[in-house]
């Protein structure tokens, strides 16, 4: 639905990393990541929040659910942390003396 169904220009290339749904199916927390600046993240978050009611409507229609969960989008920063750790490890590796 994010790829084909949403026309909001604020939503760029978004990757859904996980979805947590409560046992009563009333709430869903959707974690996403994207490449870009802090401004891009803010715009994307605003775009996703504004589309949440449309997404709920489509899910209810397609899946014929009695209750369609409230959708909350959250940025998943684990990719950013991974990149920072990779850079730190790379910096450490280049700072080590070379054995010849």
N, C-alpha and C. Protein backbone atom coordinates (compact mmCIF):
# COMPACT_ATOMS: atom_id res chain seq x y z
N UNK A 1 0.83 -1.19 0.00
CA UNK A 1 0.00 0.00 0.00
C UNK A 1 0.87 1.25 0.00
N UNK A 2 1.99 1.22 0.74
CA UNK A 2 2.88 2.38 0.77
C UNK A 2 3.51 2.62 -0.59
N UNK A 3 3.78 1.57 -1.32
CA UNK A 3 4.44 1.72 -2.62
C UNK A 3 3.48 2.22 -3.68
N UNK A 4 2.30 1.64 -3.76
CA UNK A 4 1.40 1.93 -4.87
C UNK A 4 0.21 2.82 -4.52
N UNK A 5 -0.22 2.80 -3.26
CA UNK A 5 -1.49 3.43 -2.95
C UNK A 5 -1.45 4.84 -2.41
N UNK A 6 -0.28 5.30 -1.98
CA UNK A 6 -0.21 6.63 -1.36
C UNK A 6 0.43 7.62 -2.32
N UNK A 7 -0.21 8.74 -2.49
CA UNK A 7 0.27 9.75 -3.44
C UNK A 7 0.89 10.96 -2.76
N UNK A 8 1.07 10.90 -1.46
CA UNK A 8 1.62 12.04 -0.71
C UNK A 8 3.08 12.25 -1.08
N UNK A 9 3.44 13.41 -1.61
CA UNK A 9 4.83 13.65 -2.03
C UNK A 9 5.82 13.71 -0.87
N UNK A 10 5.31 13.85 0.34
CA UNK A 10 6.22 13.89 1.50
C UNK A 10 6.78 12.52 1.84
N UNK A 11 6.11 11.48 1.36
CA UNK A 11 6.54 10.12 1.67
C UNK A 11 7.49 9.67 0.57
N UNK A 12 8.75 9.51 0.96
CA UNK A 12 9.77 9.08 0.01
C UNK A 12 9.92 7.57 0.05
N UNK A 13 11.16 7.13 -0.10
CA UNK A 13 11.47 5.71 -0.10
C UNK A 13 11.51 5.23 1.35
N UNK A 14 10.43 4.62 1.78
CA UNK A 14 10.26 4.17 3.16
C UNK A 14 10.36 2.65 3.21
N UNK A 15 11.08 2.15 4.21
CA UNK A 15 11.16 0.72 4.43
C UNK A 15 10.51 0.42 5.78
N UNK A 16 9.54 -0.47 5.77
CA UNK A 16 8.89 -0.90 7.01
C UNK A 16 9.78 -1.97 7.63
N UNK A 17 10.21 -1.74 8.87
CA UNK A 17 11.11 -2.69 9.53
C UNK A 17 10.37 -3.67 10.42
N UNK A 18 9.27 -3.25 11.02
CA UNK A 18 8.46 -4.17 11.81
C UNK A 18 7.12 -3.54 12.14
N UNK A 19 6.20 -4.39 12.57
CA UNK A 19 4.87 -3.94 12.98
C UNK A 19 4.51 -4.70 14.25
N UNK A 20 4.13 -3.97 15.27
CA UNK A 20 3.65 -4.57 16.52
C UNK A 20 2.16 -4.27 16.63
N UNK A 21 1.37 -5.32 16.81
CA UNK A 21 -0.08 -5.18 16.95
C UNK A 21 -0.47 -5.73 18.31
N UNK A 22 -1.31 -4.98 19.02
CA UNK A 22 -1.76 -5.47 20.32
C UNK A 22 -2.64 -6.71 20.14
N UNK A 23 -2.75 -7.49 21.19
CA UNK A 23 -3.51 -8.75 21.11
C UNK A 23 -4.99 -8.54 20.80
N UNK A 24 -5.53 -7.38 21.16
CA UNK A 24 -6.94 -7.11 20.87
C UNK A 24 -7.13 -6.43 19.50
N UNK A 25 -6.04 -6.26 18.76
CA UNK A 25 -6.04 -5.67 17.41
C UNK A 25 -6.54 -4.23 17.38
N UNK A 26 -6.42 -3.53 18.48
CA UNK A 26 -6.89 -2.13 18.54
C UNK A 26 -5.81 -1.13 18.18
N UNK A 27 -4.54 -1.50 18.40
CA UNK A 27 -3.42 -0.58 18.15
C UNK A 27 -2.36 -1.30 17.33
N UNK A 28 -1.76 -0.57 16.40
CA UNK A 28 -0.63 -1.09 15.63
C UNK A 28 0.46 -0.03 15.60
N UNK A 29 1.66 -0.44 15.93
CA UNK A 29 2.81 0.45 15.87
C UNK A 29 3.66 -0.02 14.70
N UNK A 30 3.82 0.86 13.71
CA UNK A 30 4.55 0.54 12.49
C UNK A 30 5.89 1.25 12.54
N UNK A 31 6.97 0.47 12.52
CA UNK A 31 8.32 1.03 12.55
C UNK A 31 8.85 1.10 11.13
N UNK A 32 9.44 2.24 10.80
CA UNK A 32 9.96 2.44 9.44
C UNK A 32 11.32 3.11 9.51
N UNK A 33 12.04 3.02 8.41
CA UNK A 33 13.30 3.72 8.27
C UNK A 33 13.37 4.29 6.87
N UNK A 34 14.24 5.26 6.68
CA UNK A 34 14.45 5.85 5.38
C UNK A 34 15.81 6.52 5.35
N UNK A 35 16.31 6.71 4.18
CA UNK A 35 17.56 7.42 4.00
C UNK A 35 17.22 8.90 3.83
N UNK A 36 18.01 9.76 4.45
CA UNK A 36 17.76 11.18 4.30
C UNK A 36 18.09 11.95 5.55
N UNK A 37 17.84 13.23 5.45
CA UNK A 37 18.16 14.14 6.55
C UNK A 37 17.05 14.13 7.60
N UNK A 38 17.30 14.86 8.65
CA UNK A 38 16.29 15.01 9.72
C UNK A 38 15.02 15.66 9.18
N UNK A 39 15.19 16.62 8.26
CA UNK A 39 14.02 17.27 7.64
C UNK A 39 13.21 16.27 6.82
N UNK A 40 13.91 15.40 6.08
CA UNK A 40 13.21 14.36 5.31
C UNK A 40 12.42 13.44 6.22
N UNK A 41 13.00 13.11 7.36
CA UNK A 41 12.32 12.23 8.31
C UNK A 41 11.07 12.90 8.87
N UNK A 42 11.19 14.18 9.18
CA UNK A 42 10.03 14.91 9.72
C UNK A 42 8.91 15.00 8.68
N UNK A 43 9.27 15.28 7.43
CA UNK A 43 8.26 15.36 6.37
C UNK A 43 7.60 14.01 6.14
N UNK A 44 8.41 12.96 6.11
CA UNK A 44 7.87 11.62 5.90
C UNK A 44 6.94 11.24 7.03
N UNK A 45 7.34 11.53 8.27
CA UNK A 45 6.49 11.20 9.42
C UNK A 45 5.15 11.94 9.32
N UNK A 46 5.19 13.19 8.95
CA UNK A 46 3.95 13.96 8.79
C UNK A 46 3.08 13.36 7.69
N UNK A 47 3.71 12.95 6.59
CA UNK A 47 2.96 12.34 5.49
C UNK A 47 2.33 11.02 5.90
N UNK A 48 3.08 10.19 6.61
CA UNK A 48 2.54 8.91 7.07
C UNK A 48 1.40 9.11 8.06
N UNK A 49 1.56 10.05 8.98
CA UNK A 49 0.49 10.33 9.95
C UNK A 49 -0.78 10.79 9.25
N UNK A 50 -0.63 11.62 8.22
CA UNK A 50 -1.82 12.12 7.53
C UNK A 50 -2.51 11.03 6.70
N UNK A 51 -1.79 10.00 6.34
CA UNK A 51 -2.36 8.91 5.54
C UNK A 51 -2.89 7.76 6.39
N UNK A 52 -2.71 7.81 7.69
CA UNK A 52 -3.08 6.66 8.53
C UNK A 52 -4.57 6.33 8.44
N UNK A 53 -5.43 7.32 8.36
CA UNK A 53 -6.87 7.02 8.27
C UNK A 53 -7.20 6.36 6.93
N UNK A 54 -6.55 6.79 5.86
CA UNK A 54 -6.75 6.16 4.55
C UNK A 54 -6.27 4.71 4.59
N UNK A 55 -5.12 4.48 5.20
CA UNK A 55 -4.58 3.12 5.30
C UNK A 55 -5.54 2.24 6.11
N UNK A 56 -6.07 2.76 7.21
CA UNK A 56 -7.04 2.01 8.01
C UNK A 56 -8.28 1.66 7.20
N UNK A 57 -8.76 2.63 6.43
CA UNK A 57 -9.94 2.40 5.60
C UNK A 57 -9.68 1.28 4.59
N UNK A 58 -8.53 1.33 3.94
CA UNK A 58 -8.20 0.31 2.95
C UNK A 58 -8.01 -1.06 3.59
N UNK A 59 -7.36 -1.10 4.74
CA UNK A 59 -7.18 -2.38 5.44
C UNK A 59 -8.53 -2.99 5.83
N UNK A 60 -9.41 -2.16 6.34
CA UNK A 60 -10.74 -2.65 6.72
C UNK A 60 -11.50 -3.20 5.53
N UNK A 61 -11.39 -2.53 4.41
CA UNK A 61 -12.09 -2.98 3.20
C UNK A 61 -11.47 -4.26 2.64
N UNK A 62 -10.14 -4.30 2.56
CA UNK A 62 -9.48 -5.45 1.96
C UNK A 62 -9.50 -6.70 2.84
N UNK A 63 -9.32 -6.52 4.13
CA UNK A 63 -9.20 -7.66 5.03
C UNK A 63 -10.49 -8.01 5.74
N UNK A 64 -11.49 -7.15 5.63
CA UNK A 64 -12.80 -7.36 6.26
C UNK A 64 -12.66 -7.63 7.76
N UNK A 65 -11.93 -6.75 8.39
CA UNK A 65 -11.73 -6.85 9.83
C UNK A 65 -12.87 -6.19 10.58
N UNK A 66 -13.23 -6.76 11.71
CA UNK A 66 -14.26 -6.15 12.54
C UNK A 66 -13.74 -4.86 13.16
N UNK A 67 -12.52 -4.93 13.65
CA UNK A 67 -11.85 -3.75 14.20
C UNK A 67 -10.57 -3.53 13.42
N UNK A 68 -10.40 -2.33 12.95
CA UNK A 68 -9.17 -1.97 12.25
C UNK A 68 -8.30 -1.20 13.24
N UNK A 69 -7.07 -1.63 13.44
CA UNK A 69 -6.24 -1.00 14.47
C UNK A 69 -5.91 0.46 14.16
N UNK A 70 -5.79 1.23 15.22
CA UNK A 70 -5.24 2.58 15.11
C UNK A 70 -3.77 2.41 14.74
N UNK A 71 -3.31 3.16 13.76
CA UNK A 71 -1.94 3.00 13.28
C UNK A 71 -1.10 4.17 13.77
N UNK A 72 0.02 3.83 14.40
CA UNK A 72 0.98 4.83 14.86
C UNK A 72 2.32 4.53 14.20
N UNK A 73 2.87 5.51 13.51
CA UNK A 73 4.15 5.34 12.84
C UNK A 73 5.28 5.84 13.73
N UNK A 74 6.36 5.06 13.79
CA UNK A 74 7.54 5.44 14.56
C UNK A 74 8.79 5.19 13.73
N UNK A 75 9.68 6.16 13.75
CA UNK A 75 10.95 6.00 13.04
C UNK A 75 11.82 4.99 13.78
N UNK A 76 12.36 4.03 13.05
CA UNK A 76 13.24 3.00 13.61
C UNK A 76 14.68 3.47 13.43
N UNK A 77 15.32 3.84 14.52
CA UNK A 77 16.67 4.39 14.48
C UNK A 77 17.75 3.31 14.52
N UNK A 78 17.38 2.05 14.53
CA UNK A 78 18.39 0.99 14.63
C UNK A 78 19.34 0.99 13.44
N UNK A 79 18.86 1.34 12.26
CA UNK A 79 19.73 1.43 11.09
C UNK A 79 20.78 2.52 11.29
N UNK A 80 20.37 3.65 11.82
CA UNK A 80 21.31 4.75 12.09
C UNK A 80 22.37 4.33 13.10
N UNK A 81 21.94 3.63 14.15
CA UNK A 81 22.89 3.15 15.15
C UNK A 81 23.88 2.17 14.53
N UNK A 82 23.38 1.30 13.68
CA UNK A 82 24.24 0.33 13.01
C UNK A 82 25.28 1.02 12.14
N UNK A 83 24.87 2.06 11.43
CA UNK A 83 25.83 2.81 10.61
C UNK A 83 26.89 3.49 11.47
N UNK A 84 26.49 4.04 12.60
CA UNK A 84 27.45 4.69 13.50
C UNK A 84 28.46 3.68 14.03
N UNK A 85 27.98 2.52 14.43
CA UNK A 85 28.88 1.48 14.94
C UNK A 85 29.83 1.01 13.85
N UNK A 86 29.30 0.82 12.65
CA UNK A 86 30.15 0.40 11.53
C UNK A 86 31.23 1.43 11.24
N UNK A 87 30.89 2.70 11.30
CA UNK A 87 31.87 3.76 11.07
C UNK A 87 32.93 3.76 12.17
N UNK A 88 32.50 3.62 13.43
CA UNK A 88 33.45 3.57 14.54
C UNK A 88 34.41 2.39 14.39
N UNK A 89 33.89 1.22 14.03
CA UNK A 89 34.74 0.06 13.84
C UNK A 89 35.70 0.25 12.67
N UNK A 90 35.22 0.88 11.63
CA UNK A 90 36.07 1.17 10.48
C UNK A 90 37.17 2.14 10.86
N UNK A 91 36.83 3.16 11.65
CA UNK A 91 37.83 4.13 12.11
C UNK A 91 38.88 3.46 12.99
N UNK A 92 38.45 2.56 13.85
CA UNK A 92 39.38 1.84 14.72
C UNK A 92 40.33 0.98 13.87
N UNK A 93 39.78 0.33 12.88
CA UNK A 93 40.57 -0.55 12.02
C UNK A 93 41.64 0.23 11.26
N UNK A 94 41.29 1.43 10.78
CA UNK A 94 42.26 2.24 10.03
C UNK A 94 43.29 2.87 10.94
N UNK A 95 42.98 3.03 12.22
CA UNK A 95 43.93 3.61 13.17
C UNK A 95 44.93 2.59 13.72
N UNK A 96 44.65 1.28 13.55
CA UNK A 96 45.55 0.25 14.07
C UNK A 96 46.84 0.23 13.27
N UNK A 97 47.97 -0.02 13.94
CA UNK A 97 49.23 -0.14 13.22
C UNK A 97 49.23 -1.40 12.35
N UNK A 98 49.81 -1.29 11.20
CA UNK A 98 49.87 -2.41 10.26
C UNK A 98 51.08 -3.28 10.55
N UNK A 99 50.88 -4.59 10.62
CA UNK A 99 51.98 -5.53 10.80
C UNK A 99 52.48 -5.93 9.41
N UNK A 100 53.73 -5.69 9.17
CA UNK A 100 54.30 -6.03 7.85
C UNK A 100 55.15 -7.26 7.93
